[in-house]
PDB file of all heavy atoms in Angstrom:
ATOM      1  N   LYS A   1      53.857  17.782  75.761  1.00  0.00           N
ATOM      2  CA  LYS A   1      53.526  19.085  76.361  1.00  0.00           C
ATOM      3  C   LYS A   1      54.589  20.149  75.989  1.00  0.00           C
ATOM      4  O   LYS A   1      55.717  19.829  75.745  1.00  0.00           O
ATOM      5  CB  LYS A   1      53.416  18.977  77.880  1.00  0.00           C
ATOM      6  CG  LYS A   1      52.418  18.015  78.383  1.00  0.00           C
ATOM      7  CD  LYS A   1      51.009  18.533  78.314  1.00  0.00           C
ATOM      8  CE  LYS A   1      50.027  17.703  79.035  1.00  0.00           C
ATOM      9  NZ  LYS A   1      49.704  16.395  78.508  1.00  0.00           N
ATOM     10  N   LYS A   2      54.136  21.420  75.988  1.00  0.00           N
ATOM     11  CA  LYS A   2      55.075  22.528  75.883  1.00  0.00           C
ATOM     12  C   LYS A   2      55.600  22.821  77.294  1.00  0.00           C
ATOM     13  O   LYS A   2      54.837  22.914  78.245  1.00  0.00           O
ATOM     14  CB  LYS A   2      54.322  23.767  75.409  1.00  0.00           C
ATOM     15  CG  LYS A   2      53.936  23.711  73.932  1.00  0.00           C
ATOM     16  CD  LYS A   2      53.264  25.013  73.518  1.00  0.00           C
ATOM     17  CE  LYS A   2      52.876  24.910  72.062  1.00  0.00           C
ATOM     18  NZ  LYS A   2      52.219  26.150  71.590  1.00  0.00           N
ATOM     19  N   VAL A   3      56.921  22.952  77.363  1.00  0.00           N
ATOM     20  CA  VAL A   3      57.550  23.163  78.647  1.00  0.00           C
ATOM     21  C   VAL A   3      58.514  24.351  78.535  1.00  0.00           C
ATOM     22  O   VAL A   3      59.404  24.320  77.672  1.00  0.00           O
ATOM     23  CB  VAL A   3      58.315  21.922  79.156  1.00  0.00           C
ATOM     24  CG1 VAL A   3      58.996  22.188  80.489  1.00  0.00           C
ATOM     25  CG2 VAL A   3      57.382  20.709  79.213  1.00  0.00           C
ATOM     26  N   ALA A   4      58.335  25.391  79.314  1.00  0.00           N
ATOM     27  CA  ALA A   4      59.233  26.520  79.374  1.00  0.00           C
ATOM     28  C   ALA A   4      60.450  26.155  80.266  1.00  0.00           C
ATOM     29  O   ALA A   4      60.260  25.717  81.402  1.00  0.00           O
ATOM     30  CB  ALA A   4      58.532  27.788  79.898  1.00  0.00           C
ATOM     31  N   ILE A   5      61.634  26.313  79.735  1.00  0.00           N
ATOM     32  CA  ILE A   5      62.870  25.942  80.444  1.00  0.00           C
ATOM     33  C   ILE A   5      63.880  27.103  80.324  1.00  0.00           C
ATOM     34  O   ILE A   5      64.084  27.655  79.270  1.00  0.00           O
ATOM     35  CB  ILE A   5      63.489  24.658  79.872  1.00  0.00           C
ATOM     36  CG1 ILE A   5      62.528  23.497  80.048  1.00  0.00           C
ATOM     37  CG2 ILE A   5      64.856  24.403  80.508  1.00  0.00           C
ATOM     38  CD1 ILE A   5      62.966  22.238  79.408  1.00  0.00           C
ATOM     39  N   GLN A   6      64.423  27.445  81.489  1.00  0.00           N
ATOM     40  CA  GLN A   6      65.413  28.512  81.527  1.00  0.00           C
ATOM     41  C   GLN A   6      66.696  28.015  80.788  1.00  0.00           C
ATOM     42  O   GLN A   6      67.149  26.908  81.048  1.00  0.00           O
ATOM     43  CB  GLN A   6      65.759  28.885  82.942  1.00  0.00           C
ATOM     44  CG  GLN A   6      66.808  29.980  83.024  1.00  0.00           C
ATOM     45  CD  GLN A   6      67.010  30.495  84.435  1.00  0.00           C
ATOM     46  OE1 GLN A   6      66.150  31.116  84.945  1.00  0.00           O
ATOM     47  NE2 GLN A   6      68.166  30.220  84.979  1.00  0.00           N
ATOM     48  N   LYS A   7      67.264  28.866  79.942  1.00  0.00           N
ATOM     49  CA  LYS A   7      68.489  28.526  79.226  1.00  0.00           C
ATOM     50  C   LYS A   7      69.627  28.168  80.225  1.00  0.00           C
ATOM     51  O   LYS A   7      69.801  28.836  81.210  1.00  0.00           O
ATOM     52  CB  LYS A   7      68.938  29.701  78.341  1.00  0.00           C
ATOM     53  CG  LYS A   7      67.974  30.063  77.278  1.00  0.00           C
ATOM     54  CD  LYS A   7      68.372  31.339  76.576  1.00  0.00           C
ATOM     55  CE  LYS A   7      67.262  31.765  75.615  1.00  0.00           C
ATOM     56  NZ  LYS A   7      67.429  33.142  75.188  1.00  0.00           N
ATOM     57  N   ASN A   8      70.327  27.081  79.905  1.00  0.00           N
ATOM     58  CA  ASN A   8      71.477  26.617  80.715  1.00  0.00           C
ATOM     59  C   ASN A   8      71.118  26.300  82.132  1.00  0.00           C
ATOM     60  O   ASN A   8      71.945  26.329  83.016  1.00  0.00           O
ATOM     61  CB  ASN A   8      72.616  27.627  80.717  1.00  0.00           C
ATOM     62  CG  ASN A   8      73.261  27.670  79.337  1.00  0.00           C
ATOM     63  OD1 ASN A   8      73.498  26.668  78.731  1.00  0.00           O
ATOM     64  ND2 ASN A   8      73.595  28.877  78.933  1.00  0.00           N
ATOM     65  N   ASP A   9      69.870  25.955  82.447  1.00  0.00           N
ATOM     66  CA  ASP A   9      69.430  25.654  83.801  1.00  0.00           C
ATOM     67  C   ASP A   9      70.001  24.279  84.256  1.00  0.00           C
ATOM     68  O   ASP A   9      69.840  23.296  83.521  1.00  0.00           O
ATOM     69  CB  ASP A   9      67.955  25.690  83.937  1.00  0.00           C
ATOM     70  CG  ASP A   9      67.475  25.646  85.388  1.00  0.00           C
ATOM     71  OD1 ASP A   9      67.353  24.518  85.884  1.00  0.00           O
ATOM     72  OD2 ASP A   9      67.282  26.727  85.942  1.00  0.00           O
ATOM     73  N   LEU A  10      70.577  24.274  85.445  1.00  0.00           N
ATOM     74  CA  LEU A  10      71.148  23.033  85.951  1.00  0.00           C
ATOM     75  C   LEU A  10      70.118  21.947  86.120  1.00  0.00           C
ATOM     76  O   LEU A  10      70.377  20.761  85.988  1.00  0.00           O
ATOM     77  CB  LEU A  10      71.825  23.324  87.265  1.00  0.00           C
ATOM     78  CG  LEU A  10      72.664  22.245  87.889  1.00  0.00           C
ATOM     79  CD1 LEU A  10      73.833  21.850  86.967  1.00  0.00           C
ATOM     80  CD2 LEU A  10      73.178  22.641  89.252  1.00  0.00           C
ATOM     81  N   TYR A  11      68.863  22.341  86.470  1.00  0.00           N
ATOM     82  CA  TYR A  11      67.835  21.362  86.691  1.00  0.00           C
ATOM     83  C   TYR A  11      67.419  20.658  85.354  1.00  0.00           C
ATOM     84  O   TYR A  11      66.856  19.573  85.350  1.00  0.00           O
ATOM     85  CB  TYR A  11      66.624  21.951  87.343  1.00  0.00           C
ATOM     86  CG  TYR A  11      66.892  22.593  88.634  1.00  0.00           C
ATOM     87  CD1 TYR A  11      66.619  23.926  88.887  1.00  0.00           C
ATOM     88  CD2 TYR A  11      67.556  21.848  89.644  1.00  0.00           C
ATOM     89  CE1 TYR A  11      66.920  24.479  90.104  1.00  0.00           C
ATOM     90  CE2 TYR A  11      67.877  22.437  90.843  1.00  0.00           C
ATOM     91  CZ  TYR A  11      67.525  23.757  91.066  1.00  0.00           C
ATOM     92  OH  TYR A  11      67.849  24.318  92.250  1.00  0.00           O
ATOM     93  N   TYR A  12      67.718  21.290  84.233  1.00  0.00           N
ATOM     94  CA  TYR A  12      67.485  20.698  82.943  1.00  0.00           C
ATOM     95  C   TYR A  12      68.756  20.012  82.378  1.00  0.00           C
ATOM     96  O   TYR A  12      68.768  18.902  82.000  1.00  0.00           O
ATOM     97  CB  TYR A  12      66.914  21.711  81.972  1.00  0.00           C
ATOM     98  CG  TYR A  12      66.633  21.103  80.590  1.00  0.00           C
ATOM     99  CD1 TYR A  12      65.550  20.245  80.422  1.00  0.00           C
ATOM    100  CD2 TYR A  12      67.445  21.350  79.524  1.00  0.00           C
ATOM    101  CE1 TYR A  12      65.316  19.655  79.197  1.00  0.00           C
ATOM    102  CE2 TYR A  12      67.171  20.762  78.282  1.00  0.00           C
ATOM    103  CZ  TYR A  12      66.117  19.892  78.139  1.00  0.00           C
ATOM    104  OH  TYR A  12      65.880  19.320  76.924  1.00  0.00           O
ATOM    105  N   GLU A  13      69.837  20.824  82.355  1.00  0.00           N
ATOM    106  CA  GLU A  13      71.094  20.411  81.683  1.00  0.00           C
ATOM    107  C   GLU A  13      71.965  19.562  82.559  1.00  0.00           C
ATOM    108  O   GLU A  13      72.857  18.842  82.059  1.00  0.00           O
ATOM    109  CB  GLU A  13      71.884  21.642  81.259  1.00  0.00           C
ATOM    110  CG  GLU A  13      71.169  22.559  80.288  1.00  0.00           C
ATOM    111  CD  GLU A  13      71.148  22.016  78.887  1.00  0.00           C
ATOM    112  OE1 GLU A  13      71.916  21.088  78.577  1.00  0.00           O
ATOM    113  OE2 GLU A  13      70.387  22.590  78.070  1.00  0.00           O
ATOM    114  N   GLY A  14      71.827  19.609  83.902  1.00  0.00           N
ATOM    115  CA  GLY A  14      72.766  18.981  84.822  1.00  0.00           C
ATOM    116  C   GLY A  14      72.863  17.475  84.726  1.00  0.00           C
ATOM    117  O   GLY A  14      72.071  16.809  84.071  1.00  0.00           O
ATOM    118  N   GLU A  15      73.813  16.956  85.439  1.00  0.00           N
ATOM    119  CA  GLU A  15      74.059  15.501  85.473  1.00  0.00           C
ATOM    120  C   GLU A  15      72.862  14.687  85.860  1.00  0.00           C
ATOM    121  O   GLU A  15      72.658  13.579  85.387  1.00  0.00           O
ATOM    122  CB  GLU A  15      75.209  15.197  86.410  1.00  0.00           C
ATOM    123  CG  GLU A  15      76.527  15.857  85.963  1.00  0.00           C
ATOM    124  CD  GLU A  15      77.509  16.067  87.112  1.00  0.00           C
ATOM    125  OE1 GLU A  15      77.745  15.162  87.857  1.00  0.00           O
ATOM    126  OE2 GLU A  15      77.996  17.217  87.204  1.00  0.00           O
ATOM    127  N   PHE A  16      71.986  15.265  86.713  1.00  0.00           N
ATOM    128  CA  PHE A  16      70.795  14.528  87.105  1.00  0.00           C
ATOM    129  C   PHE A  16      69.550  15.362  86.706  1.00  0.00           C
ATOM    130  O   PHE A  16      68.484  15.250  87.300  1.00  0.00           O
ATOM    131  CB  PHE A  16      70.776  14.369  88.659  1.00  0.00           C
ATOM    132  CG  PHE A  16      71.958  13.586  89.129  1.00  0.00           C
ATOM    133  CD1 PHE A  16      73.056  14.217  89.654  1.00  0.00           C
ATOM    134  CD2 PHE A  16      71.986  12.203  89.032  1.00  0.00           C
ATOM    135  CE1 PHE A  16      74.153  13.505  90.097  1.00  0.00           C
ATOM    136  CE2 PHE A  16      73.063  11.465  89.466  1.00  0.00           C
ATOM    137  CZ  PHE A  16      74.174  12.148  89.975  1.00  0.00           C
ATOM    138  N   GLY A  17      69.697  16.117  85.629  1.00  0.00           N
ATOM    139  CA  GLY A  17      68.662  17.030  85.171  1.00  0.00           C
ATOM    140  C   GLY A  17      67.556  16.348  84.379  1.00  0.00           C
ATOM    141  O   GLY A  17      67.624  15.170  83.953  1.00  0.00           O
ATOM    142  N   LEU A  18      66.490  17.164  84.134  1.00  0.00           N
ATOM    143  CA  LEU A  18      65.331  16.694  83.444  1.00  0.00           C
ATOM    144  C   LEU A  18      65.655  16.191  82.024  1.00  0.00           C
ATOM    145  O   LEU A  18      65.036  15.226  81.544  1.00  0.00           O
ATOM    146  CB  LEU A  18      64.313  17.850  83.343  1.00  0.00           C
ATOM    147  CG  LEU A  18      62.972  17.520  82.668  1.00  0.00           C
ATOM    148  CD1 LEU A  18      62.240  16.396  83.396  1.00  0.00           C
ATOM    149  CD2 LEU A  18      62.105  18.794  82.623  1.00  0.00           C
ATOM    150  N   LYS A  19      66.588  16.783  81.323  1.00  0.00           N
ATOM    151  CA  LYS A  19      66.963  16.409  79.950  1.00  0.00           C
ATOM    152  C   LYS A  19      67.312  14.914  79.896  1.00  0.00           C
ATOM    153  O   LYS A  19      66.842  14.179  79.064  1.00  0.00           O
ATOM    154  CB  LYS A  19      68.151  17.259  79.436  1.00  0.00           C
ATOM    155  CG  LYS A  19      68.577  16.918  78.046  1.00  0.00           C
ATOM    156  CD  LYS A  19      69.718  17.849  77.618  1.00  0.00           C
ATOM    157  CE  LYS A  19      70.147  17.578  76.229  1.00  0.00           C
ATOM    158  NZ  LYS A  19      71.237  18.531  75.815  1.00  0.00           N
ATOM    159  N   LYS A  20      68.185  14.462  80.814  1.00  0.00           N
ATOM    160  CA  LYS A  20      68.609  13.076  80.854  1.00  0.00           C
ATOM    161  C   LYS A  20      67.419  12.155  81.168  1.00  0.00           C
ATOM    162  O   LYS A  20      67.303  11.053  80.603  1.00  0.00           O
ATOM    163  CB  LYS A  20      69.735  12.914  81.830  1.00  0.00           C
ATOM    164  CG  LYS A  20      70.995  13.604  81.424  1.00  0.00           C
ATOM    165  CD  LYS A  20      72.207  12.916  81.969  1.00  0.00           C
ATOM    166  CE  LYS A  20      73.433  13.708  81.740  1.00  0.00           C
ATOM    167  NZ  LYS A  20      74.044  13.713  80.491  1.00  0.00           N
ATOM    168  N   LEU A  21      66.553  12.574  82.082  1.00  0.00           N
ATOM    169  CA  LEU A  21      65.373  11.751  82.390  1.00  0.00           C
ATOM    170  C   LEU A  21      64.438  11.611  81.232  1.00  0.00           C
ATOM    171  O   LEU A  21      63.970  10.503  80.937  1.00  0.00           O
ATOM    172  CB  LEU A  21      64.640  12.337  83.585  1.00  0.00           C
ATOM    173  CG  LEU A  21      65.338  12.243  84.929  1.00  0.00           C
ATOM    174  CD1 LEU A  21      64.612  13.050  86.002  1.00  0.00           C
ATOM    175  CD2 LEU A  21      65.467  10.812  85.359  1.00  0.00           C
ATOM    176  N   LEU A  22      64.249  12.705  80.513  1.00  0.00           N
ATOM    177  CA  LEU A  22      63.315  12.646  79.341  1.00  0.00           C
ATOM    178  C   LEU A  22      63.913  11.745  78.278  1.00  0.00           C
ATOM    179  O   LEU A  22      63.185  10.949  77.676  1.00  0.00           O
ATOM    180  CB  LEU A  22      63.144  14.077  78.791  1.00  0.00           C
ATOM    181  CG  LEU A  22      62.384  15.058  79.720  1.00  0.00           C
ATOM    182  CD1 LEU A  22      62.386  16.446  79.056  1.00  0.00           C
ATOM    183  CD2 LEU A  22      60.986  14.581  79.979  1.00  0.00           C
ATOM    184  N   GLU A  23      65.203  11.820  78.051  1.00  0.00           N
ATOM    185  CA  GLU A  23      65.879  10.970  77.051  1.00  0.00           C
ATOM    186  C   GLU A  23      65.761   9.501  77.489  1.00  0.00           C
ATOM    187  O   GLU A  23      65.462   8.615  76.668  1.00  0.00           O
ATOM    188  CB  GLU A  23      67.349  11.374  76.900  1.00  0.00           C
ATOM    189  CG  GLU A  23      67.535  12.695  76.198  1.00  0.00           C
ATOM    190  CD  GLU A  23      68.980  13.170  76.220  1.00  0.00           C
ATOM    191  OE1 GLU A  23      69.875  12.510  76.851  1.00  0.00           O
ATOM    192  OE2 GLU A  23      69.251  14.241  75.651  1.00  0.00           O
ATOM    193  N   HIS A  24      65.989   9.225  78.737  1.00  0.00           N
ATOM    194  CA  HIS A  24      65.978   7.884  79.267  1.00  0.00           C
ATOM    195  C   HIS A  24      64.608   7.222  79.065  1.00  0.00           C
ATOM    196  O   HIS A  24      64.491   6.040  78.719  1.00  0.00           O
ATOM    197  CB  HIS A  24      66.359   7.854  80.746  1.00  0.00           C
ATOM    198  CG  HIS A  24      66.346   6.460  81.331  1.00  0.00           C
ATOM    199  ND1 HIS A  24      67.363   5.544  81.117  1.00  0.00           N
ATOM    200  CD2 HIS A  24      65.438   5.891  82.129  1.00  0.00           C
ATOM    201  CE1 HIS A  24      67.062   4.462  81.772  1.00  0.00           C
ATOM    202  NE2 HIS A  24      65.908   4.624  82.429  1.00  0.00           N
ATOM    203  N   PHE A  25      63.581   7.986  79.323  1.00  0.00           N
ATOM    204  CA  PHE A  25      62.197   7.462  79.172  1.00  0.00           C
ATOM    205  C   PHE A  25      61.540   7.741  77.816  1.00  0.00           C
ATOM    206  O   PHE A  25      60.365   7.479  77.618  1.00  0.00           O
ATOM    207  CB  PHE A  25      61.311   7.987  80.336  1.00  0.00           C
ATOM    208  CG  PHE A  25      61.693   7.472  81.650  1.00  0.00           C
ATOM    209  CD1 PHE A  25      62.364   8.269  82.573  1.00  0.00           C
ATOM    210  CD2 PHE A  25      61.385   6.154  82.042  1.00  0.00           C
ATOM    211  CE1 PHE A  25      62.735   7.801  83.817  1.00  0.00           C
ATOM    212  CE2 PHE A  25      61.763   5.646  83.294  1.00  0.00           C
ATOM    213  CZ  PHE A  25      62.452   6.471  84.177  1.00  0.00           C
ATOM    214  N   ASN A  26      62.362   8.299  76.874  1.00  0.00           N
ATOM    215  CA  ASN A  26      61.867   8.594  75.521  1.00  0.00           C
ATOM    216  C   ASN A  26      60.628   9.493  75.537  1.00  0.00           C
ATOM    217  O   ASN A  26      59.626   9.218  74.844  1.00  0.00           O
ATOM    218  CB  ASN A  26      61.633   7.291  74.734  1.00  0.00           C
ATOM    219  CG  ASN A  26      61.540   7.581  73.255  1.00  0.00           C
ATOM    220  OD1 ASN A  26      62.197   8.540  72.792  1.00  0.00           O
ATOM    221  ND2 ASN A  26      60.777   6.803  72.550  1.00  0.00           N
ATOM    222  N   ILE A  27      60.684  10.511  76.386  1.00  0.00           N
ATOM    223  CA  ILE A  27      59.593  11.489  76.471  1.00  0.00           C
ATOM    224  C   ILE A  27      59.931  12.681  75.645  1.00  0.00           C
ATOM    225  O   ILE A  27      60.990  13.260  75.786  1.00  0.00           O
ATOM    226  CB  ILE A  27      59.372  11.879  77.968  1.00  0.00           C
ATOM    227  CG1 ILE A  27      59.001  10.650  78.770  1.00  0.00           C
ATOM    228  CG2 ILE A  27      58.307  12.997  78.063  1.00  0.00           C
ATOM    229  CD1 ILE A  27      59.039  10.932  80.292  1.00  0.00           C
TER     230      ILE A  27
END
């Protein structure tokens, strides 16, 4: 899917952010 993400957003970049979850589940 296309996902709009705010630059430097903690919910994406943070220690428990979406980026790490996506990488972990290979999404």
